[in-house]
Amino acid sequence: MELFFLTIWLFFIVNVVLVVWALVDAIRVPDESMYRAGNKLIWVLVILFAGFIGAIIYLTMGRPAGTGGSRAGSSFPDQFPPPPPGSLG
């Protein structure tokens, strides 16, 4: 019985985290033309009203391309400068 309740809590936590992550991601998009479909208001409403399913739909169909977490094309400089020539030998 304890395993059942632990599983329910785990699904609940994953649900909340996914919905919050999708909401934050949708709100932080700087330009509405970046969405693959729709606009910011539509996606926020889909995530809020459809919950877990809305978050999955947003992350698969609405999220702007190229926001998968890679730093390619990032405007931020690298954390550390490159080492001086000849220091790695």
Protein backbone atom coordinates (compact mmCIF):
# COMPACT_ATOMS: atom_id res chain seq x y z
CA MET A 1 0.00 0.00 0.00
CA GLU A 2 2.87 2.37 0.75
CA LEU A 3 4.33 1.76 -2.70
CA PHE A 4 1.00 2.76 -4.25
CA PHE A 5 0.95 6.11 -2.41
CA LEU A 6 4.62 6.72 -3.19
CA THR A 7 3.90 6.15 -6.88
CA ILE A 8 0.94 8.54 -6.77
CA TRP A 9 3.09 11.22 -5.11
CA LEU A 10 5.84 10.69 -7.66
CA PHE A 11 3.40 11.17 -10.56
CA PHE A 12 1.98 14.26 -8.85
CA ILE A 13 5.45 15.80 -8.41
CA VAL A 14 6.40 15.04 -12.02
CA ASN A 15 3.12 16.58 -13.19
CA VAL A 16 3.67 19.81 -11.25
CA VAL A 17 7.31 20.11 -12.33
CA LEU A 18 6.46 19.55 -16.00
CA VAL A 19 3.62 22.08 -15.97
CA VAL A 20 5.71 24.73 -14.19
CA TRP A 21 8.66 24.11 -16.54
CA ALA A 22 6.45 24.45 -19.62
CA LEU A 23 4.81 27.62 -18.27
CA VAL A 24 8.15 29.26 -17.49
CA ASP A 25 9.51 28.21 -20.88
CA ALA A 26 6.45 29.60 -22.71
CA ILE A 27 6.50 32.89 -20.80
CA ARG A 28 10.24 33.46 -21.33
CA VAL A 29 10.07 33.34 -25.15
CA PRO A 30 11.07 36.89 -26.12
CA ASP A 31 9.37 37.10 -29.52
CA GLU A 32 5.99 35.57 -30.33
CA SER A 33 7.08 34.86 -33.90
CA MET A 34 9.50 32.25 -32.49
CA TYR A 35 6.69 29.81 -31.60
CA ARG A 36 6.17 27.03 -34.11
CA ALA A 37 2.41 27.62 -33.87
CA GLY A 38 0.18 30.01 -31.95
CA ASN A 39 1.26 32.78 -29.62
CA LYS A 40 2.21 33.23 -25.99
CA LEU A 41 -1.33 33.71 -24.67
CA ILE A 42 -2.63 30.62 -26.44
CA TRP A 43 0.20 28.41 -25.14
CA VAL A 44 -0.08 29.68 -21.57
CA LEU A 45 -3.83 28.98 -21.62
CA VAL A 46 -3.30 25.51 -23.12
CA ILE A 47 -0.76 24.65 -20.41
CA LEU A 48 -2.92 26.05 -17.60
CA PHE A 49 -6.20 24.45 -18.65
CA ALA A 50 -4.89 21.14 -20.00
CA GLY A 51 -2.22 20.64 -17.31
CA PHE A 52 0.09 17.71 -17.93
CA ILE A 53 -1.26 17.02 -21.42
CA GLY A 54 -1.07 20.73 -22.33
CA ALA A 55 2.54 20.87 -21.19
CA ILE A 56 3.42 17.86 -23.32
CA ILE A 57 1.62 19.38 -26.33
CA TYR A 58 3.49 22.66 -25.84
CA LEU A 59 6.87 20.99 -25.49
CA THR A 60 6.34 18.85 -28.59
CA MET A 61 4.41 21.20 -30.90
CA GLY A 62 4.69 24.81 -29.76
CA ARG A 63 8.10 25.29 -28.25
CA PRO A 64 10.42 27.35 -30.45
CA ALA A 65 12.98 25.34 -32.37
CA GLY A 66 16.51 25.52 -31.03
CA THR A 67 15.60 25.90 -27.35
CA GLY A 68 16.59 22.37 -26.44
CA GLY A 69 19.19 23.44 -23.92
CA SER A 70 22.26 23.53 -26.14
CA ARG A 71 24.49 26.55 -25.94
CA ALA A 72 25.13 26.65 -29.68
CA GLY A 73 24.56 30.16 -30.91
CA SER A 74 24.38 31.52 -27.39
CA SER A 75 25.27 35.17 -26.88
CA PHE A 76 26.93 34.37 -23.55
CA PRO A 77 30.71 33.91 -23.53
CA ASP A 78 32.22 30.66 -22.33
CA GLN A 79 32.64 30.36 -18.60
CA PHE A 80 36.41 30.02 -18.78
CA PRO A 81 38.82 31.52 -21.32
CA PRO A 82 40.80 29.11 -23.48
CA PRO A 83 44.18 28.01 -22.09
CA PRO A 84 47.31 29.69 -23.41
CA PRO A 85 49.01 28.00 -26.36
CA GLY A 86 51.45 25.24 -25.39
CA SER A 87 50.08 24.77 -21.85
CA LEU A 88 48.28 21.50 -22.59
CA GLY A 89 51.33 19.59 -23.87
